[in-house]
């Protein structure tokens, strides 16, 4: 195993890892492809409830994937993943997302083998750590994308409420107002309100559709809007005037949040830099001179020193990062 990562074999090893990554990504792309329009026989079989015995291999694999996704989605973890995928607007099923996590874990394992090539113990530990860290990479991307969409949604909510108030004054019904927002508002506001209009068109009540929107876009400002709409539907009142007041409040809150984010930007960036500096330096030294990092992962005196130093360092780095982020987190 050490010969595989010898300095004279590094170019070949890097090429092999690169080819493996490309093949895995190509396999994911092929499996995740969906035909734009199913053929007539498939649609007739779907409506008639018949199965085609001469179905090809990809169709059988797709059916197996659908069964797996149905089983996984019934669990609490699967339901949470489905909700998070909807928040991030990622066109993946739960089973496909779990497959992506597995592939990234395998890629992280090989990256860890390369970085920890100082000795066998370091390779094993770095491979496991790389697999664990990279397995969370899809979750981090999904969470970051969902957080960005929610932030954009909240920033657009004040102007959207003003648009809704003006439309109601112009004689539009509430459902027509939602349809206008779905057509004219920027993304992600338009996409989320389009889902609301589609759900109402499929037979759900307006209250249920708005509550579904709140589950996809958890926001205190949106909750305030939905509460006002529900109260107006029950007891009546001038909804346009109420929406004007709510829109003004939301715009002021967004402005204050922007000022707070600007004032705390230096502290948040310092937290990221201080956290990434020792980790990045350790990875850089491991790539340039693996033998220099070998004593950390070697049995020494006392025997536990190879384990205590890296683990204690990681724990203290994580504690420091969360402490800085907590200090910089100011509620508005």
Foldseek 3Di string as FASTA:
>chain_A
DLVCLPPVNPVVLVVVLVVVVVVVVVVLVVLPDDDPDDDPVVVVCVVVVHDDPPDDPSVVVVVVLVVVLVVQCVDPVNVVVVLLCLLLVPPDGSSSLQVVLQVQLQSQLSVQLNLQSLDDLSSVVRSNVRSVVSSCVVVVVSVVSSVVQLLVCLLCVLVLLLQLLVVVVVPDDNLVSLQVCLVPPDPPRNVLSVQLSVVVVVPDDSLVSLVSSCSSRVDPLSVVLSVLVVVCVVPNDSNSVVSNVSSVVSNVVSVVVVVLCVVLVVLLVVLVCVLVVVVVVSSVCSNVPVNVCVVLCDQDVPRCSVPCVVVVVNVVSVVSSVVSVVVSDDDD
